[in-house]
């Protein structure tokens, strides 16, 4: 079974995955201590279905380890799937240091 995490802005306007299609709030993303996004989990249609986004937005199907996945999104995926938490904290790296997400 595929599961898709999307920010509410995308989820609310996507024809392929919407909050009303069964999505539940899965994780809050905090960056440098500030709440920046709510993520919802919903059944995903699968990688063979073209994703539809609101005007000016785009996206692709990608595995969590894909280098195109942002560190913010990796923090959320790890929080939800690896640590079963509903909060992801990302701290901006200083001077090129590698960031390890803080899962609370």
C-alpha atoms as a PDB file:
ATOM      1  CA  UNK A   1       0.000   0.000   0.000  1.00  0.00           C
ATOM      2  CA  UNK A   2       1.395   3.395  -0.967  1.00  0.00           C
ATOM      3  CA  UNK A   3       1.312   6.282   1.467  1.00  0.00           C
ATOM      4  CA  UNK A   4       2.000   9.844   0.463  1.00  0.00           C
ATOM      5  CA  UNK A   5       2.956  12.783   2.684  1.00  0.00           C
ATOM      6  CA  UNK A   6       2.184  16.234   1.357  1.00  0.00           C
ATOM      7  CA  UNK A   7       2.001  19.703   2.774  1.00  0.00           C
ATOM      8  CA  UNK A   8      -1.558  20.871   3.285  1.00  0.00           C
ATOM      9  CA  UNK A   9      -1.268  23.499   0.510  1.00  0.00           C
ATOM     10  CA  UNK A  10      -0.466  20.810  -2.033  1.00  0.00           C
ATOM     11  CA  UNK A  11      -2.790  18.235  -0.547  1.00  0.00           C
ATOM     12  CA  UNK A  12      -5.757  20.594  -0.604  1.00  0.00           C
ATOM     13  CA  UNK A  13      -5.346  21.469  -4.275  1.00  0.00           C
ATOM     14  CA  UNK A  14      -4.086  18.220  -5.777  1.00  0.00           C
ATOM     15  CA  UNK A  15      -6.419  16.176  -7.907  1.00  0.00           C
ATOM     16  CA  UNK A  16      -4.456  13.009  -7.095  1.00  0.00           C
ATOM     17  CA  UNK A  17      -4.368  13.293  -3.284  1.00  0.00           C
ATOM     18  CA  UNK A  18      -6.493  15.483  -1.096  1.00  0.00           C
ATOM     19  CA  UNK A  19      -7.077  15.767   2.621  1.00  0.00           C
ATOM     20  CA  UNK A  20     -10.718  14.932   1.982  1.00  0.00           C
ATOM     21  CA  UNK A  21      -9.652  11.651   0.354  1.00  0.00           C
ATOM     22  CA  UNK A  22      -8.783  10.216   3.756  1.00  0.00           C
ATOM     23  CA  UNK A  23      -5.690  12.165   4.707  1.00  0.00           C
ATOM     24  CA  UNK A  24      -4.908  12.534   8.384  1.00  0.00           C
ATOM     25  CA  UNK A  25      -2.511  14.976   9.991  1.00  0.00           C
ATOM     26  CA  UNK A  26       0.712  13.008  10.334  1.00  0.00           C
ATOM     27  CA  UNK A  27       3.503  15.397  11.259  1.00  0.00           C
ATOM     28  CA  UNK A  28       4.309  19.014  12.070  1.00  0.00           C
ATOM     29  CA  UNK A  29       7.608  20.307  10.680  1.00  0.00           C
ATOM     30  CA  UNK A  30       9.587  22.788  12.747  1.00  0.00           C
ATOM     31  CA  UNK A  31      12.643  24.468  11.218  1.00  0.00           C
ATOM     32  CA  UNK A  32      14.946  26.221  13.671  1.00  0.00           C
ATOM     33  CA  UNK A  33      12.171  26.004  16.255  1.00  0.00           C
ATOM     34  CA  UNK A  34       9.493  27.596  14.039  1.00  0.00           C
ATOM     35  CA  UNK A  35       6.449  25.654  12.790  1.00  0.00           C
ATOM     36  CA  UNK A  36       6.530  25.884   9.003  1.00  0.00           C
ATOM     37  CA  UNK A  37       4.307  23.073   7.672  1.00  0.00           C
ATOM     38  CA  UNK A  38       1.719  20.463   8.514  1.00  0.00           C
ATOM     39  CA  UNK A  39       1.980  17.178   6.669  1.00  0.00           C
ATOM     40  CA  UNK A  40      -0.882  14.792   6.055  1.00  0.00           C
ATOM     41  CA  UNK A  41      -0.784  11.086   5.216  1.00  0.00           C
ATOM     42  CA  UNK A  42      -3.182   9.756   2.610  1.00  0.00           C
ATOM     43  CA  UNK A  43      -3.443   6.794   0.300  1.00  0.00           C
ATOM     44  CA  UNK A  44      -1.356   7.577  -2.750  1.00  0.00           C
ATOM     45  CA  UNK A  45      -2.529   6.572  -6.208  1.00  0.00           C
ATOM     46  CA  UNK A  46       0.854   4.991  -7.039  1.00  0.00           C
ATOM     47  CA  UNK A  47       3.887   6.000  -9.091  1.00  0.00           C
ATOM     48  CA  UNK A  48       2.181   5.165 -12.398  1.00  0.00           C
ATOM     49  CA  UNK A  49      -0.288   8.048 -11.839  1.00  0.00           C
ATOM     50  CA  UNK A  50       0.804  11.524 -12.894  1.00  0.00           C
ATOM     51  CA  UNK A  51       0.822  13.937  -9.955  1.00  0.00           C
ATOM     52  CA  UNK A  52      -1.283  17.069 -10.338  1.00  0.00           C
ATOM     53  CA  UNK A  53      -0.377  20.273  -8.475  1.00  0.00           C
ATOM     54  CA  UNK A  54      -1.711  23.790  -8.213  1.00  0.00           C
ATOM     55  CA  UNK A  55      -0.429  26.286 -10.779  1.00  0.00           C
ATOM     56  CA  UNK A  56       3.231  27.168 -10.272  1.00  0.00           C
ATOM     57  CA  UNK A  57       4.016  23.999  -8.270  1.00  0.00           C
ATOM     58  CA  UNK A  58       5.521  20.708  -9.351  1.00  0.00           C
ATOM     59  CA  UNK A  59       6.707  17.424  -7.925  1.00  0.00           C
ATOM     60  CA  UNK A  60       7.896  13.955  -8.777  1.00  0.00           C
ATOM     61  CA  UNK A  61       7.591  10.477  -7.322  1.00  0.00           C
ATOM     62  CA  UNK A  62      10.824   9.760  -5.448  1.00  0.00           C
ATOM     63  CA  UNK A  63      12.104   7.315  -2.860  1.00  0.00           C
ATOM     64  CA  UNK A  64      13.093   8.755   0.514  1.00  0.00           C
ATOM     65  CA  UNK A  65      16.788   8.165  -0.256  1.00  0.00           C
ATOM     66  CA  UNK A  66      16.621  10.053  -3.554  1.00  0.00           C
ATOM     67  CA  UNK A  67      19.029  13.041  -3.481  1.00  0.00           C
ATOM     68  CA  UNK A  68      16.230  15.265  -4.862  1.00  0.00           C
ATOM     69  CA  UNK A  69      14.299  14.887  -1.602  1.00  0.00           C
ATOM     70  CA  UNK A  70      14.960  17.945   0.563  1.00  0.00           C
ATOM     71  CA  UNK A  71      16.445  17.602   4.052  1.00  0.00           C
ATOM     72  CA  UNK A  72      13.174  19.021   5.443  1.00  0.00           C
ATOM     73  CA  UNK A  73      11.162  16.259   3.781  1.00  0.00           C
ATOM     74  CA  UNK A  74      13.658  13.621   4.915  1.00  0.00           C
ATOM     75  CA  UNK A  75      13.186  14.862   8.509  1.00  0.00           C
ATOM     76  CA  UNK A  76       9.413  14.423   8.173  1.00  0.00           C
ATOM     77  CA  UNK A  77       9.666  10.968   6.576  1.00  0.00           C
ATOM     78  CA  UNK A  78      12.075   9.804   9.283  1.00  0.00           C
ATOM     79  CA  UNK A  79       9.899  11.227  12.051  1.00  0.00           C
ATOM     80  CA  UNK A  80       6.757   9.495  10.789  1.00  0.00           C
ATOM     81  CA  UNK A  81       8.062   6.192   9.446  1.00  0.00           C
ATOM     82  CA  UNK A  82      11.296   5.516  11.362  1.00  0.00           C
ATOM     83  CA  UNK A  83      10.399   7.044  14.737  1.00  0.00           C
ATOM     84  CA  UNK A  84       6.570   7.019  14.778  1.00  0.00           C
ATOM     85  CA  UNK A  85       6.467  10.637  15.948  1.00  0.00           C
ATOM     86  CA  UNK A  86       4.213  13.482  14.878  1.00  0.00           C
ATOM     87  CA  UNK A  87       6.829  16.220  15.102  1.00  0.00           C
ATOM     88  CA  UNK A  88       9.973  16.718  13.017  1.00  0.00           C
ATOM     89  CA  UNK A  89      12.571  19.281  14.050  1.00  0.00           C
ATOM     90  CA  UNK A  90      15.116  20.394  11.493  1.00  0.00           C
ATOM     91  CA  UNK A  91      17.995  22.629  12.559  1.00  0.00           C
ATOM     92  CA  UNK A  92      19.728  24.537   9.782  1.00  0.00           C
ATOM     93  CA  UNK A  93      23.340  23.330   9.548  1.00  0.00           C
ATOM     94  CA  UNK A  94      26.047  25.863  10.358  1.00  0.00           C
ATOM     95  CA  UNK A  95      29.157  26.082   8.159  1.00  0.00           C
ATOM     96  CA  UNK A  96      28.390  22.982   6.120  1.00  0.00           C
ATOM     97  CA  UNK A  97      27.877  20.687   9.109  1.00  0.00           C
ATOM     98  CA  UNK A  98      25.677  17.656   8.489  1.00  0.00           C
ATOM     99  CA  UNK A  99      22.273  18.009  10.137  1.00  0.00           C
ATOM    100  CA  UNK A 100      20.722  15.130  12.025  1.00  0.00           C
ATOM    101  CA  UNK A 101      16.977  15.667  12.463  1.00  0.00           C
ATOM    102  CA  UNK A 102      15.813  15.809  16.073  1.00  0.00           C
ATOM    103  CA  UNK A 103      12.853  13.458  16.564  1.00  0.00           C
ATOM    104  CA  UNK A 104      10.782  14.255  19.621  1.00  0.00           C
END
